[in-house]
Amino acid sequence: MDLQDISSITNERFKITKKETKVRDTINDVINSCRLHAEKKRQQIKLVFEDNIPKILKFDPARLQQIINNLMSNAIKFSQEN
């Protein structure tokens, strides 16, 4: 979540757009965008999906991407180089 999101929430203009989306594709896109940064720190990213994760869910893909990107960025930033 960024400052614009916080401002939207406080002004009650925050909207979540739910649509049927492929979960794995959404997550893979974010992970792939983080790989270069991780490789620069000599880190590896391994992504494993459990078989019971649905292929399609109804959610806001932009928000999920934002959340995962924040988590990955922090994990890379605060992990030691290999």
N, C-alpha and C. Protein backbone atom coordinates (compact mmCIF):
# COMPACT_ATOMS: atom_id res chain seq x y z
N MET A 1 0.84 -1.17 0.00
CA MET A 1 0.00 0.00 0.00
C MET A 1 0.89 1.24 0.00
N ASP A 2 0.54 2.19 -0.81
CA ASP A 2 1.36 3.40 -0.87
C ASP A 2 0.58 4.59 -0.32
N LEU A 3 1.21 5.76 -0.33
CA LEU A 3 0.57 6.96 0.24
C LEU A 3 -0.73 7.32 -0.46
N GLN A 4 -0.77 7.10 -1.76
CA GLN A 4 -2.00 7.40 -2.50
C GLN A 4 -3.14 6.49 -2.04
N ASP A 5 -2.84 5.22 -1.79
CA ASP A 5 -3.84 4.29 -1.28
C ASP A 5 -4.34 4.73 0.09
N ILE A 6 -3.42 5.13 0.96
CA ILE A 6 -3.80 5.56 2.30
C ILE A 6 -4.69 6.80 2.22
N SER A 7 -4.32 7.72 1.35
CA SER A 7 -5.13 8.92 1.15
C SER A 7 -6.52 8.56 0.65
N SER A 8 -6.60 7.61 -0.27
CA SER A 8 -7.90 7.17 -0.80
C SER A 8 -8.76 6.52 0.28
N ILE A 9 -8.11 5.73 1.15
CA ILE A 9 -8.86 5.08 2.23
C ILE A 9 -9.42 6.12 3.18
N THR A 10 -8.60 7.08 3.56
CA THR A 10 -9.07 8.09 4.51
C THR A 10 -10.16 8.97 3.89
N ASN A 11 -10.15 9.11 2.58
CA ASN A 11 -11.18 9.90 1.91
C ASN A 11 -12.32 9.02 1.38
N GLU A 12 -12.29 7.73 1.75
CA GLU A 12 -13.33 6.76 1.38
C GLU A 12 -13.49 6.61 -0.13
N ARG A 13 -12.38 6.69 -0.87
CA ARG A 13 -12.41 6.50 -2.32
C ARG A 13 -11.65 5.25 -2.74
N PHE A 14 -11.23 4.45 -1.79
CA PHE A 14 -10.45 3.25 -2.08
C PHE A 14 -11.36 2.19 -2.66
N LYS A 15 -11.00 1.70 -3.84
CA LYS A 15 -11.83 0.69 -4.50
C LYS A 15 -11.01 -0.55 -4.79
N ILE A 16 -11.61 -1.67 -4.49
CA ILE A 16 -11.00 -2.94 -4.83
C ILE A 16 -11.78 -3.50 -6.02
N THR A 17 -11.05 -3.86 -7.05
CA THR A 17 -11.67 -4.39 -8.25
C THR A 17 -11.50 -5.90 -8.25
N LYS A 18 -12.58 -6.61 -8.09
CA LYS A 18 -12.52 -8.07 -8.09
C LYS A 18 -12.84 -8.59 -9.49
N LYS A 19 -11.95 -9.47 -9.97
CA LYS A 19 -12.24 -10.13 -11.22
C LYS A 19 -11.60 -11.51 -11.21
N GLU A 20 -12.17 -12.40 -11.98
CA GLU A 20 -11.62 -13.75 -12.03
C GLU A 20 -10.26 -13.70 -12.71
N THR A 21 -9.26 -14.20 -12.01
CA THR A 21 -7.88 -14.09 -12.47
C THR A 21 -7.13 -15.36 -12.13
N LYS A 22 -6.14 -15.68 -12.95
CA LYS A 22 -5.30 -16.84 -12.69
C LYS A 22 -4.30 -16.47 -11.59
N VAL A 23 -4.43 -17.13 -10.47
CA VAL A 23 -3.61 -16.83 -9.30
C VAL A 23 -2.13 -17.05 -9.59
N ARG A 24 -1.81 -18.19 -10.14
CA ARG A 24 -0.41 -18.53 -10.39
C ARG A 24 0.25 -17.55 -11.35
N ASP A 25 -0.46 -17.14 -12.39
CA ASP A 25 0.10 -16.18 -13.35
C ASP A 25 0.39 -14.85 -12.68
N THR A 26 -0.53 -14.41 -11.84
CA THR A 26 -0.36 -13.13 -11.14
C THR A 26 0.87 -13.18 -10.24
N ILE A 27 0.99 -14.25 -9.49
CA ILE A 27 2.14 -14.38 -8.58
C ILE A 27 3.43 -14.55 -9.36
N ASN A 28 3.41 -15.36 -10.41
CA ASN A 28 4.60 -15.57 -11.24
C ASN A 28 5.11 -14.26 -11.83
N ASP A 29 4.21 -13.40 -12.29
CA ASP A 29 4.61 -12.12 -12.86
C ASP A 29 5.41 -11.29 -11.87
N VAL A 30 4.95 -11.25 -10.64
CA VAL A 30 5.64 -10.47 -9.61
C VAL A 30 6.99 -11.10 -9.28
N ILE A 31 7.00 -12.40 -9.10
CA ILE A 31 8.23 -13.10 -8.75
C ILE A 31 9.28 -12.89 -9.85
N ASN A 32 8.85 -13.02 -11.09
CA ASN A 32 9.79 -12.83 -12.20
C ASN A 32 10.35 -11.41 -12.24
N SER A 33 9.54 -10.45 -11.87
CA SER A 33 10.03 -9.07 -11.87
C SER A 33 11.03 -8.83 -10.73
N CYS A 34 11.01 -9.67 -9.70
CA CYS A 34 11.93 -9.53 -8.56
C CYS A 34 13.23 -10.31 -8.75
N ARG A 35 13.26 -11.22 -9.70
CA ARG A 35 14.42 -12.11 -9.86
C ARG A 35 15.74 -11.35 -10.11
N LEU A 36 15.72 -10.35 -10.95
CA LEU A 36 16.94 -9.63 -11.29
C LEU A 36 17.54 -8.97 -10.04
N HIS A 37 16.69 -8.36 -9.24
CA HIS A 37 17.15 -7.73 -8.00
C HIS A 37 17.75 -8.78 -7.05
N ALA A 38 17.09 -9.93 -6.96
CA ALA A 38 17.59 -11.00 -6.10
C ALA A 38 18.93 -11.53 -6.61
N GLU A 39 19.03 -11.71 -7.92
CA GLU A 39 20.28 -12.23 -8.49
C GLU A 39 21.45 -11.28 -8.26
N LYS A 40 21.18 -9.98 -8.25
CA LYS A 40 22.24 -9.01 -7.98
C LYS A 40 22.81 -9.19 -6.58
N LYS A 41 21.96 -9.69 -5.67
CA LYS A 41 22.42 -9.95 -4.30
C LYS A 41 22.81 -11.42 -4.12
N ARG A 42 22.96 -12.12 -5.23
CA ARG A 42 23.30 -13.54 -5.24
C ARG A 42 22.31 -14.37 -4.43
N GLN A 43 21.05 -14.06 -4.60
CA GLN A 43 19.97 -14.80 -3.95
C GLN A 43 19.16 -15.52 -5.03
N GLN A 44 18.54 -16.60 -4.63
CA GLN A 44 17.67 -17.33 -5.54
C GLN A 44 16.24 -17.26 -5.03
N ILE A 45 15.33 -17.22 -5.97
CA ILE A 45 13.90 -17.27 -5.62
C ILE A 45 13.35 -18.58 -6.15
N LYS A 46 12.75 -19.33 -5.28
CA LYS A 46 12.13 -20.59 -5.68
C LYS A 46 10.65 -20.49 -5.35
N LEU A 47 9.83 -20.69 -6.36
CA LEU A 47 8.39 -20.59 -6.20
C LEU A 47 7.78 -21.97 -6.37
N VAL A 48 7.04 -22.42 -5.36
CA VAL A 48 6.39 -23.72 -5.40
C VAL A 48 4.92 -23.52 -5.05
N PHE A 49 4.06 -24.05 -5.90
CA PHE A 49 2.63 -23.99 -5.64
C PHE A 49 2.13 -25.35 -5.19
N GLU A 50 1.34 -25.35 -4.14
CA GLU A 50 0.69 -26.59 -3.71
C GLU A 50 -0.39 -26.95 -4.73
N ASP A 51 -0.65 -28.23 -4.87
CA ASP A 51 -1.64 -28.69 -5.85
C ASP A 51 -3.05 -28.23 -5.54
N ASN A 52 -3.34 -27.96 -4.27
CA ASN A 52 -4.71 -27.61 -3.89
C ASN A 52 -5.04 -26.13 -4.07
N ILE A 53 -4.11 -25.33 -4.59
CA ILE A 53 -4.40 -23.91 -4.84
C ILE A 53 -5.24 -23.81 -6.10
N PRO A 54 -6.39 -23.16 -6.02
CA PRO A 54 -7.25 -23.03 -7.21
C PRO A 54 -6.52 -22.30 -8.34
N LYS A 55 -6.85 -22.67 -9.56
CA LYS A 55 -6.21 -22.03 -10.71
C LYS A 55 -6.75 -20.62 -10.94
N ILE A 56 -8.04 -20.44 -10.69
CA ILE A 56 -8.67 -19.13 -10.89
C ILE A 56 -9.45 -18.75 -9.64
N LEU A 57 -9.26 -17.51 -9.20
CA LEU A 57 -10.00 -16.96 -8.08
C LEU A 57 -10.49 -15.57 -8.45
N LYS A 58 -11.43 -15.08 -7.69
CA LYS A 58 -11.94 -13.72 -7.91
C LYS A 58 -11.27 -12.81 -6.88
N PHE A 59 -10.40 -11.90 -7.36
CA PHE A 59 -9.66 -11.00 -6.48
C PHE A 59 -9.19 -9.80 -7.27
N ASP A 60 -8.56 -8.87 -6.58
CA ASP A 60 -8.01 -7.68 -7.22
C ASP A 60 -6.54 -7.97 -7.56
N PRO A 61 -6.23 -8.26 -8.82
CA PRO A 61 -4.87 -8.65 -9.17
C PRO A 61 -3.84 -7.55 -8.90
N ALA A 62 -4.21 -6.30 -9.09
CA ALA A 62 -3.27 -5.21 -8.83
C ALA A 62 -2.89 -5.15 -7.36
N ARG A 63 -3.84 -5.35 -6.47
CA ARG A 63 -3.55 -5.32 -5.02
C ARG A 63 -2.71 -6.51 -4.61
N LEU A 64 -3.03 -7.70 -5.15
CA LEU A 64 -2.24 -8.88 -4.83
C LEU A 64 -0.81 -8.70 -5.32
N GLN A 65 -0.63 -8.17 -6.52
CA GLN A 65 0.70 -7.91 -7.04
C GLN A 65 1.45 -6.92 -6.15
N GLN A 66 0.76 -5.91 -5.70
CA GLN A 66 1.37 -4.89 -4.84
C GLN A 66 1.82 -5.50 -3.51
N ILE A 67 0.99 -6.35 -2.94
CA ILE A 67 1.32 -6.99 -1.66
C ILE A 67 2.52 -7.92 -1.81
N ILE A 68 2.48 -8.76 -2.83
CA ILE A 68 3.58 -9.71 -3.03
C ILE A 68 4.87 -8.98 -3.37
N ASN A 69 4.76 -7.96 -4.18
CA ASN A 69 5.95 -7.18 -4.53
C ASN A 69 6.57 -6.55 -3.29
N ASN A 70 5.75 -6.00 -2.40
CA ASN A 70 6.27 -5.43 -1.15
C ASN A 70 6.95 -6.48 -0.29
N LEU A 71 6.33 -7.65 -0.17
CA LEU A 71 6.91 -8.74 0.63
C LEU A 71 8.23 -9.22 0.03
N MET A 72 8.25 -9.40 -1.29
CA MET A 72 9.47 -9.87 -1.95
C MET A 72 10.58 -8.83 -1.86
N SER A 73 10.24 -7.57 -2.08
CA SER A 73 11.24 -6.51 -2.00
C SER A 73 11.88 -6.45 -0.62
N ASN A 74 11.06 -6.57 0.41
CA ASN A 74 11.58 -6.57 1.78
C ASN A 74 12.41 -7.81 2.06
N ALA A 75 11.96 -8.96 1.58
CA ALA A 75 12.72 -10.20 1.80
C ALA A 75 14.09 -10.10 1.15
N ILE A 76 14.14 -9.58 -0.07
CA ILE A 76 15.41 -9.43 -0.77
C ILE A 76 16.29 -8.40 -0.08
N LYS A 77 15.69 -7.30 0.28
CA LYS A 77 16.44 -6.19 0.90
C LYS A 77 17.06 -6.60 2.23
N PHE A 78 16.31 -7.33 3.04
CA PHE A 78 16.77 -7.62 4.39
C PHE A 78 17.40 -9.01 4.55
N SER A 79 17.60 -9.72 3.45
CA SER A 79 18.28 -11.02 3.50
C SER A 79 19.75 -10.81 3.16
N GLN A 80 20.56 -11.63 3.73
CA GLN A 80 22.00 -11.54 3.46
C GLN A 80 22.31 -12.17 2.12
N GLU A 81 23.38 -11.68 1.50
CA GLU A 81 23.85 -12.28 0.26
C GLU A 81 24.37 -13.66 0.52
N ASN A 82 24.22 -14.54 -0.47
CA ASN A 82 24.76 -15.90 -0.36
C ASN A 82 26.21 -15.93 -0.71
